[in-house]
Each structure stands twice: as C-alpha cells, then as structure tokens.
C-alpha cells in the first residue's frame, strides 16, 4: 500500500506462511543481504548500506553453514520455536551474485 511501511506487510506475509528470516553472522561483519537505509518512512535521510555484503564466491564461510535442523528459530514473542514445529527447508538452487553481476 502506498504511503505505508513495507516491513509490516512483510512480517504479515512471513507469519501467514510460517516462514523465518535467516540472519547470518559472517566474519568481518559481512552479511548476505544489506539494509540500504534509504530516506523515507524509516529514515529522515539516506544512511547507506548497514553492513558490507559477503559477495566473494570463494569465501569459505559461505559454504560452511550449519545444517538447517540445528539452527535456532524464534517466534514473534522472542521465544524459541522447536525444530519439530518448523516447516521443512525447501531445496533451492541458489547462486551468489556480486553487485557487479546484478541486472
């Protein structure tokens, strides 16, 4: 909806589908997805990218994630969600693209 913050709609979408967000704590404070902190409803002025992207496909930390079943998950109330109540991880064909390779 125009004029409203997208994040509340994203949270609703995730909740309806029992989805979770993956937060990776990679070496060097790198991330899989950065918040660009653009000016608008969330920020008065553009602040730029919050963390550097992990965009080196040869970085060994990108291929050493723990098994999905061993990750901790938390609900909206910040309580741990048991592994048996989480959905199965769908198999996806994912490839890492650097900023230069983006369309």
C-alpha atoms as a PDB file:
ATOM      1  CA  UNK A   1       0.000   0.000   0.000  1.00  0.00           C
ATOM      2  CA  UNK A   2       1.318   3.376  -0.959  1.00  0.00           C
ATOM      3  CA  UNK A   3       2.400   5.541   1.976  1.00  0.00           C
ATOM      4  CA  UNK A   4       2.810   2.684   4.456  1.00  0.00           C
ATOM      5  CA  UNK A   5       5.919   0.975   5.723  1.00  0.00           C
ATOM      6  CA  UNK A   6       6.637  -2.226   3.749  1.00  0.00           C
ATOM      7  CA  UNK A   7       8.069  -4.060   6.770  1.00  0.00           C
ATOM      8  CA  UNK A   8       4.709  -4.612   8.486  1.00  0.00           C
ATOM      9  CA  UNK A   9       3.358  -6.193   5.291  1.00  0.00           C
ATOM     10  CA  UNK A  10       6.454  -8.391   5.036  1.00  0.00           C
ATOM     11  CA  UNK A  11       6.014  -9.532   8.646  1.00  0.00           C
ATOM     12  CA  UNK A  12       2.396 -10.451   7.951  1.00  0.00           C
ATOM     13  CA  UNK A  13       3.411 -12.364   4.809  1.00  0.00           C
ATOM     14  CA  UNK A  14       6.040 -14.312   6.758  1.00  0.00           C
ATOM     15  CA  UNK A  15       3.660 -15.084   9.625  1.00  0.00           C
ATOM     16  CA  UNK A  16       0.850 -16.335   7.339  1.00  0.00           C
ATOM     17  CA  UNK A  17       3.260 -18.789   5.683  1.00  0.00           C
ATOM     18  CA  UNK A  18       5.181 -19.839   8.804  1.00  0.00           C
ATOM     19  CA  UNK A  19       8.425 -18.525   7.295  1.00  0.00           C
ATOM     20  CA  UNK A  20      11.561 -17.345   9.077  1.00  0.00           C
ATOM     21  CA  UNK A  21      14.366 -14.933   8.250  1.00  0.00           C
ATOM     22  CA  UNK A  22      17.961 -16.166   8.253  1.00  0.00           C
ATOM     23  CA  UNK A  23      20.443 -13.863   9.965  1.00  0.00           C
ATOM     24  CA  UNK A  24      23.999 -14.814   9.130  1.00  0.00           C
ATOM     25  CA  UNK A  25      26.823 -13.558  11.319  1.00  0.00           C
ATOM     26  CA  UNK A  26      29.718 -13.899   8.914  1.00  0.00           C
ATOM     27  CA  UNK A  27      33.373 -12.997   9.536  1.00  0.00           C
ATOM     28  CA  UNK A  28      34.239  -9.340   9.049  1.00  0.00           C
ATOM     29  CA  UNK A  29      30.675  -8.216   9.925  1.00  0.00           C
ATOM     30  CA  UNK A  30      29.592  -9.242   6.420  1.00  0.00           C
ATOM     31  CA  UNK A  31      26.023 -10.114   5.565  1.00  0.00           C
ATOM     32  CA  UNK A  32      24.030 -11.966   2.905  1.00  0.00           C
ATOM     33  CA  UNK A  33      21.615  -9.056   2.481  1.00  0.00           C
ATOM     34  CA  UNK A  34      22.157  -5.422   3.460  1.00  0.00           C
ATOM     35  CA  UNK A  35      19.653  -2.789   4.506  1.00  0.00           C
ATOM     36  CA  UNK A  36      20.251   0.252   2.291  1.00  0.00           C
ATOM     37  CA  UNK A  37      18.551   2.570   4.817  1.00  0.00           C
ATOM     38  CA  UNK A  38      17.039   4.882   2.208  1.00  0.00           C
ATOM     39  CA  UNK A  39      15.289   8.120   3.134  1.00  0.00           C
ATOM     40  CA  UNK A  40      11.567   7.661   3.657  1.00  0.00           C
ATOM     41  CA  UNK A  41       9.310   6.330   6.394  1.00  0.00           C
ATOM     42  CA  UNK A  42      12.154   4.662   8.294  1.00  0.00           C
ATOM     43  CA  UNK A  43      14.934   7.245   7.947  1.00  0.00           C
ATOM     44  CA  UNK A  44      14.865  11.027   7.546  1.00  0.00           C
ATOM     45  CA  UNK A  45      17.925  10.914   5.283  1.00  0.00           C
ATOM     46  CA  UNK A  46      19.687   8.131   3.402  1.00  0.00           C
ATOM     47  CA  UNK A  47      22.282   6.447   5.626  1.00  0.00           C
ATOM     48  CA  UNK A  48      23.596   3.920   3.109  1.00  0.00           C
ATOM     49  CA  UNK A  49      24.323   0.233   3.479  1.00  0.00           C
ATOM     50  CA  UNK A  50      24.352  -1.068   7.060  1.00  0.00           C
ATOM     51  CA  UNK A  51      26.884  -3.912   6.588  1.00  0.00           C
ATOM     52  CA  UNK A  52      29.201  -4.984   3.746  1.00  0.00           C
ATOM     53  CA  UNK A  53      27.947  -7.813   1.545  1.00  0.00           C
ATOM     54  CA  UNK A  54      29.580 -11.224   1.557  1.00  0.00           C
ATOM     55  CA  UNK A  55      29.990 -11.206  -2.206  1.00  0.00           C
ATOM     56  CA  UNK A  56      33.162 -13.239  -2.732  1.00  0.00           C
ATOM     57  CA  UNK A  57      32.029 -16.631  -4.101  1.00  0.00           C
ATOM     58  CA  UNK A  58      35.359 -18.131  -2.947  1.00  0.00           C
ATOM     59  CA  UNK A  59      34.835 -17.108   0.691  1.00  0.00           C
ATOM     60  CA  UNK A  60      34.863 -20.399   2.668  1.00  0.00           C
ATOM     61  CA  UNK A  61      32.388 -19.018   5.235  1.00  0.00           C
ATOM     62  CA  UNK A  62      29.680 -19.058   2.535  1.00  0.00           C
ATOM     63  CA  UNK A  63      29.911 -22.805   2.110  1.00  0.00           C
ATOM     64  CA  UNK A  64      30.074 -23.796   5.760  1.00  0.00           C
ATOM     65  CA  UNK A  65      26.584 -23.085   7.081  1.00  0.00           C
ATOM     66  CA  UNK A  66      25.350 -25.473   9.765  1.00  0.00           C
ATOM     67  CA  UNK A  67      22.507 -27.866   8.896  1.00  0.00           C
ATOM     68  CA  UNK A  68      19.091 -26.159   8.848  1.00  0.00           C
ATOM     69  CA  UNK A  69      17.753 -28.503  11.514  1.00  0.00           C
ATOM     70  CA  UNK A  70      20.393 -27.305  14.003  1.00  0.00           C
ATOM     71  CA  UNK A  71      19.630 -23.589  13.668  1.00  0.00           C
ATOM     72  CA  UNK A  72      17.778 -21.742  16.414  1.00  0.00           C
ATOM     73  CA  UNK A  73      14.451 -20.181  15.455  1.00  0.00           C
ATOM     74  CA  UNK A  74      12.392 -17.662  17.401  1.00  0.00           C
ATOM     75  CA  UNK A  75       8.745 -16.635  17.139  1.00  0.00           C
ATOM     76  CA  UNK A  76       7.248 -13.126  17.260  1.00  0.00           C
ATOM     77  CA  UNK A  77       7.252 -13.349  21.068  1.00  0.00           C
ATOM     78  CA  UNK A  78      11.055 -13.971  21.065  1.00  0.00           C
ATOM     79  CA  UNK A  79      10.551 -17.496  22.406  1.00  0.00           C
ATOM     80  CA  UNK A  80      12.478 -20.339  20.828  1.00  0.00           C
ATOM     81  CA  UNK A  81      10.471 -22.355  18.299  1.00  0.00           C
ATOM     82  CA  UNK A  82      11.031 -26.106  18.408  1.00  0.00           C
ATOM     83  CA  UNK A  83      12.535 -27.747  15.335  1.00  0.00           C
ATOM     84  CA  UNK A  84       9.534 -30.095  15.024  1.00  0.00           C
ATOM     85  CA  UNK A  85       7.119 -27.166  14.589  1.00  0.00           C
ATOM     86  CA  UNK A  86       9.166 -25.507  11.825  1.00  0.00           C
ATOM     87  CA  UNK A  87       8.457 -26.198   8.170  1.00  0.00           C
ATOM     88  CA  UNK A  88      10.856 -28.402   6.230  1.00  0.00           C
ATOM     89  CA  UNK A  89      13.504 -26.490   4.331  1.00  0.00           C
ATOM     90  CA  UNK A  90      12.703 -26.479   0.609  1.00  0.00           C
ATOM     91  CA  UNK A  91      15.590 -27.387  -1.643  1.00  0.00           C
ATOM     92  CA  UNK A  92      16.582 -24.434  -3.760  1.00  0.00           C
ATOM     93  CA  UNK A  93      19.147 -23.835  -6.436  1.00  0.00           C
ATOM     94  CA  UNK A  94      20.842 -20.709  -5.082  1.00  0.00           C
ATOM     95  CA  UNK A  95      23.823 -18.939  -6.553  1.00  0.00           C
ATOM     96  CA  UNK A  96      25.727 -15.964  -5.176  1.00  0.00           C
ATOM     97  CA  UNK A  97      25.954 -12.887  -7.383  1.00  0.00           C
ATOM     98  CA  UNK A  98      28.189  -9.937  -6.743  1.00  0.00           C
ATOM     99  CA  UNK A  99      26.954  -6.343  -7.046  1.00  0.00           C
ATOM    100  CA  UNK A 100      28.682  -6.088 -10.424  1.00  0.00           C
ATOM    101  CA  UNK A 101      26.674  -9.043 -11.739  1.00  0.00           C
ATOM    102  CA  UNK A 102      23.269  -7.678 -10.726  1.00  0.00           C
ATOM    103  CA  UNK A 103      20.894  -6.971 -13.649  1.00  0.00           C
END
